[in-house]
N, C-alpha and C. Protein backbone atom coordinates (compact mmCIF):
# COMPACT_ATOMS: atom_id res chain seq x y z
N UNK A 1 -95.52 105.81 -51.20
CA UNK A 1 -95.40 104.39 -51.47
C UNK A 1 -93.95 103.96 -51.38
N UNK A 2 -93.76 102.75 -51.01
CA UNK A 2 -92.43 102.17 -50.93
C UNK A 2 -92.37 101.02 -51.92
N UNK A 3 -91.34 101.03 -52.73
CA UNK A 3 -91.09 99.92 -53.65
C UNK A 3 -89.80 99.25 -53.23
N UNK A 4 -89.77 97.91 -53.26
CA UNK A 4 -88.54 97.20 -52.95
C UNK A 4 -88.48 95.91 -53.73
N UNK A 5 -87.28 95.36 -53.79
CA UNK A 5 -87.05 94.15 -54.54
C UNK A 5 -86.16 93.23 -53.73
N UNK A 6 -86.50 91.94 -53.70
CA UNK A 6 -85.65 90.93 -53.06
C UNK A 6 -85.46 89.77 -54.03
N UNK A 7 -84.38 89.04 -53.86
CA UNK A 7 -84.13 87.89 -54.72
C UNK A 7 -85.15 86.79 -54.44
N UNK A 8 -85.70 86.75 -53.25
CA UNK A 8 -86.67 85.72 -52.90
C UNK A 8 -88.06 86.00 -53.46
N UNK A 9 -88.54 87.24 -53.31
CA UNK A 9 -89.92 87.58 -53.67
C UNK A 9 -90.06 88.47 -54.89
N UNK A 10 -88.96 89.00 -55.41
CA UNK A 10 -89.05 89.92 -56.54
C UNK A 10 -89.51 91.29 -56.10
N UNK A 11 -90.26 91.99 -56.96
CA UNK A 11 -90.72 93.35 -56.66
C UNK A 11 -91.96 93.37 -55.81
N UNK A 12 -92.00 94.33 -54.88
CA UNK A 12 -93.16 94.51 -53.99
C UNK A 12 -93.36 95.99 -53.75
N UNK A 13 -94.52 96.32 -53.18
CA UNK A 13 -94.79 97.71 -52.80
C UNK A 13 -95.60 97.71 -51.51
N UNK A 14 -95.57 98.87 -50.83
CA UNK A 14 -96.32 99.00 -49.59
C UNK A 14 -96.55 100.46 -49.26
N UNK A 15 -97.30 100.69 -48.19
CA UNK A 15 -97.62 102.03 -47.73
C UNK A 15 -97.15 102.17 -46.29
N UNK A 16 -95.87 102.55 -46.08
CA UNK A 16 -95.36 102.66 -44.72
C UNK A 16 -96.09 103.70 -43.87
N UNK A 17 -96.47 104.85 -44.47
CA UNK A 17 -97.19 105.87 -43.72
C UNK A 17 -98.53 105.32 -43.23
N UNK A 18 -99.24 104.62 -44.11
CA UNK A 18 -100.50 104.01 -43.72
C UNK A 18 -100.31 102.96 -42.64
N UNK A 19 -99.27 102.13 -42.79
CA UNK A 19 -99.00 101.08 -41.80
C UNK A 19 -98.67 101.66 -40.43
N UNK A 20 -98.03 102.83 -40.41
CA UNK A 20 -97.63 103.46 -39.15
C UNK A 20 -98.66 104.47 -38.64
N UNK A 21 -99.73 104.72 -39.41
CA UNK A 21 -100.73 105.71 -39.01
C UNK A 21 -100.20 107.13 -39.08
N UNK A 22 -99.28 107.39 -39.98
CA UNK A 22 -98.65 108.71 -40.11
C UNK A 22 -99.40 109.59 -41.10
N UNK A 23 -99.31 110.91 -40.93
CA UNK A 23 -99.93 111.82 -41.90
C UNK A 23 -99.17 111.80 -43.22
N UNK A 24 -99.86 112.21 -44.27
CA UNK A 24 -99.23 112.31 -45.58
C UNK A 24 -98.21 113.44 -45.60
N UNK A 25 -97.31 113.38 -46.56
CA UNK A 25 -96.32 114.44 -46.76
C UNK A 25 -96.99 115.67 -47.36
N UNK A 26 -96.42 116.83 -47.09
CA UNK A 26 -96.87 118.07 -47.72
C UNK A 26 -96.55 117.99 -49.21
N UNK A 27 -97.33 118.67 -50.01
CA UNK A 27 -97.07 118.72 -51.44
C UNK A 27 -95.68 119.29 -51.68
N UNK A 28 -94.88 118.62 -52.48
CA UNK A 28 -93.53 119.07 -52.79
C UNK A 28 -92.52 118.82 -51.68
N UNK A 29 -92.86 118.01 -50.69
CA UNK A 29 -91.97 117.75 -49.57
C UNK A 29 -90.65 117.13 -50.01
N UNK A 30 -89.58 117.54 -49.35
CA UNK A 30 -88.30 116.85 -49.49
C UNK A 30 -88.44 115.48 -48.82
N UNK A 31 -87.56 114.58 -49.17
CA UNK A 31 -87.58 113.23 -48.64
C UNK A 31 -86.15 112.76 -48.48
N UNK A 32 -85.80 112.29 -47.29
CA UNK A 32 -84.47 111.73 -47.06
C UNK A 32 -84.61 110.40 -46.32
N UNK A 33 -83.62 109.56 -46.48
CA UNK A 33 -83.64 108.28 -45.78
C UNK A 33 -82.24 107.88 -45.40
N UNK A 34 -82.13 106.98 -44.44
CA UNK A 34 -80.83 106.44 -44.08
C UNK A 34 -81.00 105.12 -43.36
N UNK A 35 -79.95 104.34 -43.37
CA UNK A 35 -79.88 103.14 -42.55
C UNK A 35 -79.31 103.61 -41.22
N UNK A 36 -80.14 103.54 -40.17
CA UNK A 36 -79.77 104.05 -38.87
C UNK A 36 -79.08 102.95 -38.07
N UNK A 37 -77.77 102.98 -38.06
CA UNK A 37 -76.99 101.98 -37.33
C UNK A 37 -77.02 102.23 -35.83
N UNK A 38 -77.43 103.42 -35.41
CA UNK A 38 -77.54 103.74 -33.99
C UNK A 38 -78.75 103.05 -33.38
N UNK A 39 -79.90 103.08 -34.07
CA UNK A 39 -81.14 102.50 -33.55
C UNK A 39 -81.53 101.21 -34.26
N UNK A 40 -80.67 100.71 -35.16
CA UNK A 40 -80.96 99.48 -35.91
C UNK A 40 -82.30 99.58 -36.63
N UNK A 41 -82.43 100.62 -37.45
CA UNK A 41 -83.69 100.85 -38.17
C UNK A 41 -83.42 101.48 -39.53
N UNK A 42 -84.45 101.51 -40.34
CA UNK A 42 -84.45 102.26 -41.60
C UNK A 42 -85.29 103.49 -41.33
N UNK A 43 -84.77 104.70 -41.62
CA UNK A 43 -85.50 105.94 -41.35
C UNK A 43 -85.82 106.66 -42.65
N UNK A 44 -87.05 107.20 -42.73
CA UNK A 44 -87.48 108.04 -43.85
C UNK A 44 -88.08 109.30 -43.23
N UNK A 45 -87.56 110.47 -43.62
CA UNK A 45 -88.01 111.74 -43.06
C UNK A 45 -88.63 112.61 -44.15
N UNK A 46 -89.68 113.37 -43.78
CA UNK A 46 -90.39 114.21 -44.74
C UNK A 46 -91.08 115.35 -43.99
N UNK A 47 -91.59 116.33 -44.74
CA UNK A 47 -92.32 117.45 -44.17
C UNK A 47 -93.82 117.21 -44.28
N UNK A 48 -94.57 117.59 -43.25
CA UNK A 48 -96.03 117.49 -43.27
C UNK A 48 -96.63 118.87 -43.52
N UNK A 49 -97.91 118.95 -43.86
CA UNK A 49 -98.53 120.25 -44.15
C UNK A 49 -98.44 121.26 -42.99
N UNK A 50 -98.26 120.80 -41.74
CA UNK A 50 -98.14 121.72 -40.60
C UNK A 50 -96.70 122.19 -40.40
N UNK A 51 -95.80 121.92 -41.38
CA UNK A 51 -94.39 122.35 -41.37
C UNK A 51 -93.56 121.62 -40.30
N UNK A 52 -94.03 120.44 -39.91
CA UNK A 52 -93.26 119.60 -38.99
C UNK A 52 -92.48 118.57 -39.80
N UNK A 53 -91.40 118.10 -39.20
CA UNK A 53 -90.64 117.02 -39.81
C UNK A 53 -91.11 115.73 -39.18
N UNK A 54 -91.53 114.83 -40.02
CA UNK A 54 -92.07 113.55 -39.60
C UNK A 54 -91.10 112.46 -39.98
N UNK A 55 -91.02 111.41 -39.16
CA UNK A 55 -90.14 110.29 -39.49
C UNK A 55 -90.93 108.99 -39.46
N UNK A 56 -90.69 108.19 -40.48
CA UNK A 56 -91.14 106.80 -40.49
C UNK A 56 -89.91 105.96 -40.24
N UNK A 57 -90.01 104.98 -39.38
CA UNK A 57 -88.88 104.08 -39.20
C UNK A 57 -89.36 102.65 -39.13
N UNK A 58 -88.50 101.78 -39.63
CA UNK A 58 -88.82 100.36 -39.71
C UNK A 58 -87.72 99.57 -39.02
N UNK A 59 -88.16 98.67 -38.15
CA UNK A 59 -87.23 97.73 -37.51
C UNK A 59 -87.70 96.32 -37.86
N UNK A 60 -86.76 95.43 -38.12
CA UNK A 60 -87.15 94.06 -38.47
C UNK A 60 -88.02 93.40 -37.40
N UNK A 61 -87.81 93.77 -36.14
CA UNK A 61 -88.53 93.11 -35.05
C UNK A 61 -90.00 93.51 -34.92
N UNK A 62 -90.35 94.75 -35.35
CA UNK A 62 -91.73 95.17 -35.11
C UNK A 62 -92.33 96.09 -36.18
N UNK A 63 -91.74 96.17 -37.36
CA UNK A 63 -92.36 96.87 -38.48
C UNK A 63 -92.22 98.38 -38.48
N UNK A 64 -93.23 99.06 -39.10
CA UNK A 64 -93.20 100.51 -39.31
C UNK A 64 -93.75 101.27 -38.11
N UNK A 65 -93.12 102.42 -37.83
CA UNK A 65 -93.53 103.34 -36.76
C UNK A 65 -93.44 104.76 -37.30
N UNK A 66 -94.02 105.71 -36.58
CA UNK A 66 -94.00 107.10 -37.01
C UNK A 66 -93.82 108.01 -35.81
N UNK A 67 -93.15 109.13 -36.04
CA UNK A 67 -92.98 110.12 -34.98
C UNK A 67 -92.87 111.51 -35.56
N UNK A 68 -93.30 112.50 -34.78
CA UNK A 68 -93.19 113.91 -35.14
C UNK A 68 -91.91 114.41 -34.49
N UNK A 69 -90.83 114.50 -35.27
CA UNK A 69 -89.53 114.90 -34.73
C UNK A 69 -89.53 116.34 -34.25
N UNK A 70 -90.23 117.22 -34.96
CA UNK A 70 -90.29 118.63 -34.56
C UNK A 70 -90.89 118.75 -33.17
N UNK A 71 -92.01 118.08 -32.93
CA UNK A 71 -92.65 118.13 -31.62
C UNK A 71 -91.80 117.44 -30.56
N UNK A 72 -91.25 116.28 -30.86
CA UNK A 72 -90.46 115.53 -29.89
C UNK A 72 -89.23 116.32 -29.43
N UNK A 73 -88.62 117.08 -30.36
CA UNK A 73 -87.40 117.82 -30.04
C UNK A 73 -87.67 119.25 -29.60
N UNK A 74 -88.92 119.72 -29.70
CA UNK A 74 -89.21 121.12 -29.42
C UNK A 74 -88.57 122.04 -30.44
N UNK A 75 -88.48 121.57 -31.68
CA UNK A 75 -87.82 122.32 -32.75
C UNK A 75 -88.71 123.36 -33.39
N UNK A 76 -88.10 124.21 -34.19
CA UNK A 76 -88.84 125.23 -34.93
C UNK A 76 -89.46 124.59 -36.17
N UNK A 77 -90.56 125.16 -36.64
CA UNK A 77 -91.20 124.66 -37.85
C UNK A 77 -90.30 124.88 -39.06
N UNK A 78 -90.43 124.00 -40.02
CA UNK A 78 -89.65 124.09 -41.26
C UNK A 78 -90.32 125.06 -42.23
N UNK A 79 -89.51 125.67 -43.08
CA UNK A 79 -90.04 126.51 -44.16
C UNK A 79 -90.76 125.61 -45.16
N UNK A 80 -91.81 126.13 -45.76
CA UNK A 80 -92.46 125.40 -46.85
C UNK A 80 -91.43 125.20 -47.95
N UNK A 81 -91.28 123.98 -48.41
CA UNK A 81 -90.32 123.68 -49.46
C UNK A 81 -88.89 123.50 -48.98
N UNK A 82 -88.70 123.40 -47.66
CA UNK A 82 -87.35 123.23 -47.12
C UNK A 82 -86.71 121.94 -47.62
N UNK A 83 -85.43 122.00 -47.88
CA UNK A 83 -84.64 120.79 -48.13
C UNK A 83 -84.41 120.09 -46.80
N UNK A 84 -84.06 118.83 -46.86
CA UNK A 84 -83.70 118.06 -45.68
C UNK A 84 -82.36 117.37 -45.95
N UNK A 85 -81.56 117.22 -44.93
CA UNK A 85 -80.31 116.46 -45.03
C UNK A 85 -80.16 115.68 -43.73
N UNK A 86 -79.70 114.45 -43.82
CA UNK A 86 -79.55 113.64 -42.62
C UNK A 86 -78.28 112.81 -42.71
N UNK A 87 -77.78 112.42 -41.54
CA UNK A 87 -76.54 111.64 -41.47
C UNK A 87 -76.45 110.94 -40.13
N UNK A 88 -75.59 109.95 -40.08
CA UNK A 88 -75.15 109.36 -38.82
C UNK A 88 -73.84 110.05 -38.48
N UNK A 89 -73.80 110.78 -37.37
CA UNK A 89 -72.57 111.44 -36.95
C UNK A 89 -71.73 110.43 -36.18
N UNK A 90 -70.79 109.82 -36.87
CA UNK A 90 -69.95 108.79 -36.26
C UNK A 90 -68.96 109.38 -35.25
N UNK A 91 -68.77 110.69 -35.28
CA UNK A 91 -67.89 111.35 -34.30
C UNK A 91 -68.56 111.42 -32.93
N UNK A 92 -69.90 111.58 -32.92
CA UNK A 92 -70.66 111.70 -31.66
C UNK A 92 -71.56 110.52 -31.38
N UNK A 93 -71.77 109.66 -32.38
CA UNK A 93 -72.71 108.55 -32.20
C UNK A 93 -74.15 109.02 -32.17
N UNK A 94 -74.48 110.06 -32.95
CA UNK A 94 -75.82 110.61 -32.99
C UNK A 94 -76.38 110.54 -34.40
N UNK A 95 -77.70 110.68 -34.52
CA UNK A 95 -78.38 110.82 -35.80
C UNK A 95 -78.73 112.30 -35.91
N UNK A 96 -78.45 112.93 -37.06
CA UNK A 96 -78.68 114.36 -37.21
C UNK A 96 -79.48 114.65 -38.47
N UNK A 97 -80.39 115.61 -38.36
CA UNK A 97 -81.21 116.02 -39.48
C UNK A 97 -81.17 117.55 -39.54
N UNK A 98 -80.92 118.10 -40.73
CA UNK A 98 -80.84 119.54 -40.94
C UNK A 98 -81.97 119.97 -41.87
N UNK A 99 -82.46 121.20 -41.63
CA UNK A 99 -83.54 121.76 -42.44
C UNK A 99 -83.49 123.27 -42.32
N UNK A 100 -84.31 123.96 -43.12
CA UNK A 100 -84.43 125.41 -43.05
C UNK A 100 -85.69 125.78 -42.29
N UNK A 101 -85.57 126.73 -41.34
CA UNK A 101 -86.77 127.21 -40.65
C UNK A 101 -87.48 128.25 -41.52
N UNK A 102 -88.54 128.85 -41.01
CA UNK A 102 -89.34 129.77 -41.81
C UNK A 102 -88.58 131.02 -42.25
N UNK A 103 -87.45 131.32 -41.63
CA UNK A 103 -86.59 132.44 -42.04
C UNK A 103 -85.43 131.98 -42.92
N UNK A 104 -85.44 130.73 -43.34
CA UNK A 104 -84.40 130.12 -44.16
C UNK A 104 -83.04 130.09 -43.45
N UNK A 105 -83.11 129.86 -42.14
CA UNK A 105 -81.92 129.66 -41.32
C UNK A 105 -81.77 128.16 -41.10
N UNK A 106 -80.56 127.65 -41.12
CA UNK A 106 -80.32 126.22 -40.90
C UNK A 106 -80.68 125.87 -39.45
N UNK A 107 -81.48 124.82 -39.28
CA UNK A 107 -81.83 124.28 -37.97
C UNK A 107 -81.44 122.81 -37.94
N UNK A 108 -81.31 122.29 -36.74
CA UNK A 108 -80.87 120.91 -36.58
C UNK A 108 -81.74 120.17 -35.57
N UNK A 109 -82.09 118.94 -35.90
CA UNK A 109 -82.67 117.99 -34.95
C UNK A 109 -81.66 116.87 -34.81
N UNK A 110 -81.42 116.41 -33.59
CA UNK A 110 -80.47 115.31 -33.42
C UNK A 110 -80.95 114.35 -32.34
N UNK A 111 -80.61 113.08 -32.57
CA UNK A 111 -81.07 111.99 -31.71
C UNK A 111 -79.91 111.47 -30.87
N UNK A 112 -80.12 111.46 -29.55
CA UNK A 112 -79.12 110.92 -28.63
C UNK A 112 -79.56 109.53 -28.20
N UNK A 113 -78.87 108.48 -28.67
CA UNK A 113 -79.30 107.13 -28.33
C UNK A 113 -79.07 106.78 -26.86
N UNK A 114 -78.20 107.52 -26.17
CA UNK A 114 -77.94 107.24 -24.76
C UNK A 114 -79.17 107.44 -23.89
N UNK A 115 -80.00 108.41 -24.26
CA UNK A 115 -81.24 108.68 -23.51
C UNK A 115 -82.48 108.47 -24.38
N UNK A 116 -82.25 108.02 -25.63
CA UNK A 116 -83.32 107.71 -26.59
C UNK A 116 -84.26 108.89 -26.74
N UNK A 117 -83.68 110.08 -27.09
CA UNK A 117 -84.47 111.31 -27.17
C UNK A 117 -83.96 112.20 -28.31
N UNK A 118 -84.90 112.93 -28.95
CA UNK A 118 -84.57 113.91 -29.99
C UNK A 118 -84.40 115.29 -29.35
N UNK A 119 -83.45 116.08 -29.88
CA UNK A 119 -83.18 117.44 -29.42
C UNK A 119 -83.14 118.36 -30.63
N UNK A 120 -83.31 119.67 -30.38
CA UNK A 120 -83.15 120.65 -31.45
C UNK A 120 -82.01 121.59 -31.07
N UNK A 121 -81.35 122.13 -32.09
CA UNK A 121 -80.30 123.11 -31.83
C UNK A 121 -80.20 124.05 -33.02
N UNK A 122 -79.50 125.14 -32.79
CA UNK A 122 -79.30 126.17 -33.80
C UNK A 122 -77.82 126.21 -34.14
N UNK A 123 -77.39 125.53 -35.22
CA UNK A 123 -75.96 125.52 -35.55
C UNK A 123 -75.44 126.88 -36.02
N UNK A 124 -76.33 127.83 -36.28
CA UNK A 124 -75.89 129.16 -36.73
C UNK A 124 -75.63 130.11 -35.56
N UNK A 125 -76.08 129.76 -34.37
CA UNK A 125 -75.98 130.64 -33.21
C UNK A 125 -74.54 131.08 -32.96
N UNK A 126 -74.32 132.38 -33.00
CA UNK A 126 -73.01 132.94 -32.72
C UNK A 126 -71.98 132.78 -33.82
N UNK A 127 -72.37 132.27 -34.98
CA UNK A 127 -71.40 132.03 -36.05
C UNK A 127 -71.38 133.15 -37.08
N UNK A 128 -72.41 133.99 -37.10
CA UNK A 128 -72.53 135.00 -38.15
C UNK A 128 -72.96 134.41 -39.47
N UNK A 129 -73.50 133.19 -39.45
CA UNK A 129 -73.92 132.51 -40.68
C UNK A 129 -75.02 133.29 -41.39
N UNK A 130 -74.94 133.33 -42.70
CA UNK A 130 -75.94 133.96 -43.55
C UNK A 130 -77.06 132.95 -43.77
N UNK A 131 -78.31 133.44 -43.81
CA UNK A 131 -79.44 132.55 -44.10
C UNK A 131 -79.37 132.05 -45.53
N UNK A 132 -80.10 130.99 -45.80
CA UNK A 132 -80.14 130.40 -47.14
C UNK A 132 -81.08 131.16 -48.05
N UNK A 133 -80.86 131.03 -49.33
CA UNK A 133 -81.80 131.53 -50.33
C UNK A 133 -83.01 130.61 -50.33
N UNK A 134 -84.24 131.15 -50.37
CA UNK A 134 -85.41 130.27 -50.46
C UNK A 134 -85.25 129.29 -51.63
N UNK A 135 -85.53 128.02 -51.35
CA UNK A 135 -85.40 126.97 -52.36
C UNK A 135 -84.02 126.36 -52.44
N UNK A 136 -83.08 126.80 -51.59
CA UNK A 136 -81.72 126.26 -51.62
C UNK A 136 -81.70 124.77 -51.32
N UNK A 137 -80.74 124.10 -51.92
CA UNK A 137 -80.44 122.72 -51.54
C UNK A 137 -79.70 122.75 -50.21
N UNK A 138 -79.62 121.60 -49.58
CA UNK A 138 -78.96 121.45 -48.29
C UNK A 138 -78.32 120.08 -48.27
N UNK A 139 -77.04 120.00 -47.95
CA UNK A 139 -76.35 118.72 -47.84
C UNK A 139 -75.52 118.71 -46.57
N UNK A 140 -75.29 117.52 -46.05
CA UNK A 140 -74.44 117.38 -44.86
C UNK A 140 -73.56 116.14 -45.02
N UNK A 141 -72.43 116.19 -44.34
CA UNK A 141 -71.49 115.07 -44.39
C UNK A 141 -70.68 115.04 -43.11
N UNK A 142 -70.32 113.86 -42.69
CA UNK A 142 -69.36 113.69 -41.60
C UNK A 142 -68.01 113.53 -42.28
N UNK A 143 -67.12 114.48 -42.05
CA UNK A 143 -65.78 114.46 -42.66
C UNK A 143 -64.84 113.81 -41.66
N UNK A 144 -64.56 112.53 -41.85
CA UNK A 144 -63.71 111.80 -40.91
C UNK A 144 -62.24 112.17 -41.06
N UNK A 145 -61.86 112.79 -42.17
CA UNK A 145 -60.49 113.26 -42.35
C UNK A 145 -60.24 114.48 -41.47
N UNK A 146 -61.19 115.43 -41.47
CA UNK A 146 -61.06 116.65 -40.68
C UNK A 146 -61.71 116.54 -39.30
N UNK A 147 -62.32 115.39 -39.00
CA UNK A 147 -63.05 115.20 -37.75
C UNK A 147 -64.08 116.30 -37.53
N UNK A 148 -64.90 116.52 -38.55
CA UNK A 148 -65.91 117.58 -38.47
C UNK A 148 -67.20 117.13 -39.16
N UNK A 149 -68.27 117.83 -38.83
CA UNK A 149 -69.53 117.70 -39.54
C UNK A 149 -69.66 118.95 -40.39
N UNK A 150 -70.06 118.80 -41.66
CA UNK A 150 -70.16 119.94 -42.57
C UNK A 150 -71.54 119.99 -43.20
N UNK A 151 -72.12 121.18 -43.22
CA UNK A 151 -73.44 121.42 -43.80
C UNK A 151 -73.27 122.53 -44.83
N UNK A 152 -73.77 122.31 -46.05
CA UNK A 152 -73.62 123.29 -47.14
C UNK A 152 -74.98 123.68 -47.70
N UNK A 153 -75.08 124.96 -48.09
CA UNK A 153 -76.30 125.49 -48.68
C UNK A 153 -75.94 126.72 -49.51
N UNK A 154 -76.91 127.26 -50.23
CA UNK A 154 -76.68 128.43 -51.08
C UNK A 154 -77.39 129.64 -50.46
N UNK A 155 -76.67 130.75 -50.34
CA UNK A 155 -77.21 131.99 -49.77
C UNK A 155 -77.80 132.87 -50.87
N UNK A 156 -78.54 133.94 -50.51
CA UNK A 156 -79.14 134.81 -51.53
C UNK A 156 -78.13 135.41 -52.52
N UNK A 157 -76.88 135.58 -52.13
CA UNK A 157 -75.86 136.12 -53.05
C UNK A 157 -75.27 135.04 -53.95
N UNK A 158 -75.87 133.84 -53.92
CA UNK A 158 -75.49 132.68 -54.74
C UNK A 158 -74.13 132.10 -54.34
N UNK A 159 -73.69 132.37 -53.13
CA UNK A 159 -72.47 131.77 -52.62
C UNK A 159 -72.82 130.47 -51.90
N UNK A 160 -71.92 129.53 -51.99
CA UNK A 160 -72.08 128.29 -51.24
C UNK A 160 -71.55 128.56 -49.84
N UNK A 161 -72.41 128.34 -48.87
CA UNK A 161 -72.07 128.58 -47.46
C UNK A 161 -71.84 127.26 -46.75
N UNK A 162 -70.96 127.30 -45.78
CA UNK A 162 -70.63 126.10 -45.03
C UNK A 162 -70.76 126.37 -43.54
N UNK A 163 -71.48 125.51 -42.86
CA UNK A 163 -71.44 125.43 -41.40
C UNK A 163 -70.63 124.19 -41.09
N UNK A 164 -69.68 124.29 -40.20
CA UNK A 164 -68.91 123.11 -39.83
C UNK A 164 -68.72 123.05 -38.32
N UNK A 165 -68.77 121.82 -37.82
CA UNK A 165 -68.72 121.57 -36.40
C UNK A 165 -67.49 120.75 -36.06
N UNK A 166 -66.76 121.23 -35.09
CA UNK A 166 -65.65 120.50 -34.50
C UNK A 166 -65.64 120.85 -33.01
N UNK A 167 -66.67 120.38 -32.30
CA UNK A 167 -66.86 120.72 -30.89
C UNK A 167 -67.74 121.94 -30.72
N UNK A 168 -67.62 122.93 -31.60
CA UNK A 168 -68.53 124.08 -31.70
C UNK A 168 -68.74 124.35 -33.19
N UNK A 169 -69.77 125.15 -33.49
CA UNK A 169 -70.08 125.45 -34.89
C UNK A 169 -69.33 126.68 -35.38
N UNK A 170 -68.92 126.63 -36.66
CA UNK A 170 -68.27 127.72 -37.37
C UNK A 170 -69.02 127.93 -38.68
N UNK A 171 -68.88 129.12 -39.29
CA UNK A 171 -69.51 129.41 -40.58
C UNK A 171 -68.47 129.99 -41.52
N UNK A 172 -68.56 129.59 -42.81
CA UNK A 172 -67.66 130.10 -43.84
C UNK A 172 -68.44 130.42 -45.11
N UNK A 173 -67.90 131.35 -45.88
CA UNK A 173 -68.35 131.61 -47.24
C UNK A 173 -67.47 130.74 -48.12
N UNK A 174 -67.93 129.54 -48.40
CA UNK A 174 -67.12 128.56 -49.13
C UNK A 174 -66.72 129.09 -50.51
N UNK A 175 -67.64 129.75 -51.20
CA UNK A 175 -67.35 130.31 -52.51
C UNK A 175 -66.25 131.37 -52.40
N UNK A 176 -66.34 132.24 -51.40
CA UNK A 176 -65.34 133.28 -51.20
C UNK A 176 -63.98 132.71 -50.83
N UNK A 177 -63.96 131.65 -50.02
CA UNK A 177 -62.69 131.04 -49.59
C UNK A 177 -61.94 130.42 -50.76
N UNK A 178 -62.66 129.70 -51.62
CA UNK A 178 -61.97 129.01 -52.72
C UNK A 178 -61.91 129.86 -53.99
N UNK A 179 -62.59 131.02 -54.00
CA UNK A 179 -62.50 131.94 -55.14
C UNK A 179 -63.22 131.51 -56.40
N UNK A 180 -64.24 130.70 -56.27
CA UNK A 180 -65.01 130.27 -57.43
C UNK A 180 -66.12 131.26 -57.76
N UNK A 181 -66.76 131.05 -58.87
CA UNK A 181 -67.89 131.86 -59.30
C UNK A 181 -69.11 131.50 -58.48
N UNK A 182 -70.03 132.45 -58.29
CA UNK A 182 -71.27 132.15 -57.58
C UNK A 182 -72.06 131.03 -58.26
N UNK A 183 -72.88 130.36 -57.45
CA UNK A 183 -73.73 129.29 -57.95
C UNK A 183 -74.77 129.84 -58.91
N UNK A 184 -75.17 129.04 -59.86
CA UNK A 184 -76.22 129.44 -60.80
C UNK A 184 -77.55 129.33 -60.10
N UNK A 185 -78.44 130.35 -60.22
CA UNK A 185 -79.73 130.30 -59.52
C UNK A 185 -80.60 129.17 -60.01
């Protein structure tokens, strides 16, 4: 369900998945949203029972729509209970979504507005990145100071791990670099 409030109409509710003909979310699904300035839409992403990432998007001109991002991008299925993180990459002009695959490895789906298409990639490829601990949180940010994209998660040894992109992907043990104590399970 979607709840919203406007000064004109007050509180309202609706069913965007029903309006778009989309499947329901998997039990316990993560949920992320963003204002997509690339496609001029509001995006809501979630996991479905078939371990695909589904997106609902709304445009003022034509309402709610739905798409299977995993299928559209040829991506790997998400782990049950995977976290989701999304951002507008202002360095590349792309929309990016991160999740854990069934092996708890970070995977990426990204949207190229130039060709209006979703792609999948493996940001861990060649980096030596450690997989995430099952149930780990996942966050991402575009760091305009360092001109990089950064993705953080917790590994089985309770260290905070960082994948960062500056033309290519790199991996760090963030906890080890800054010398802090491991994360609490």
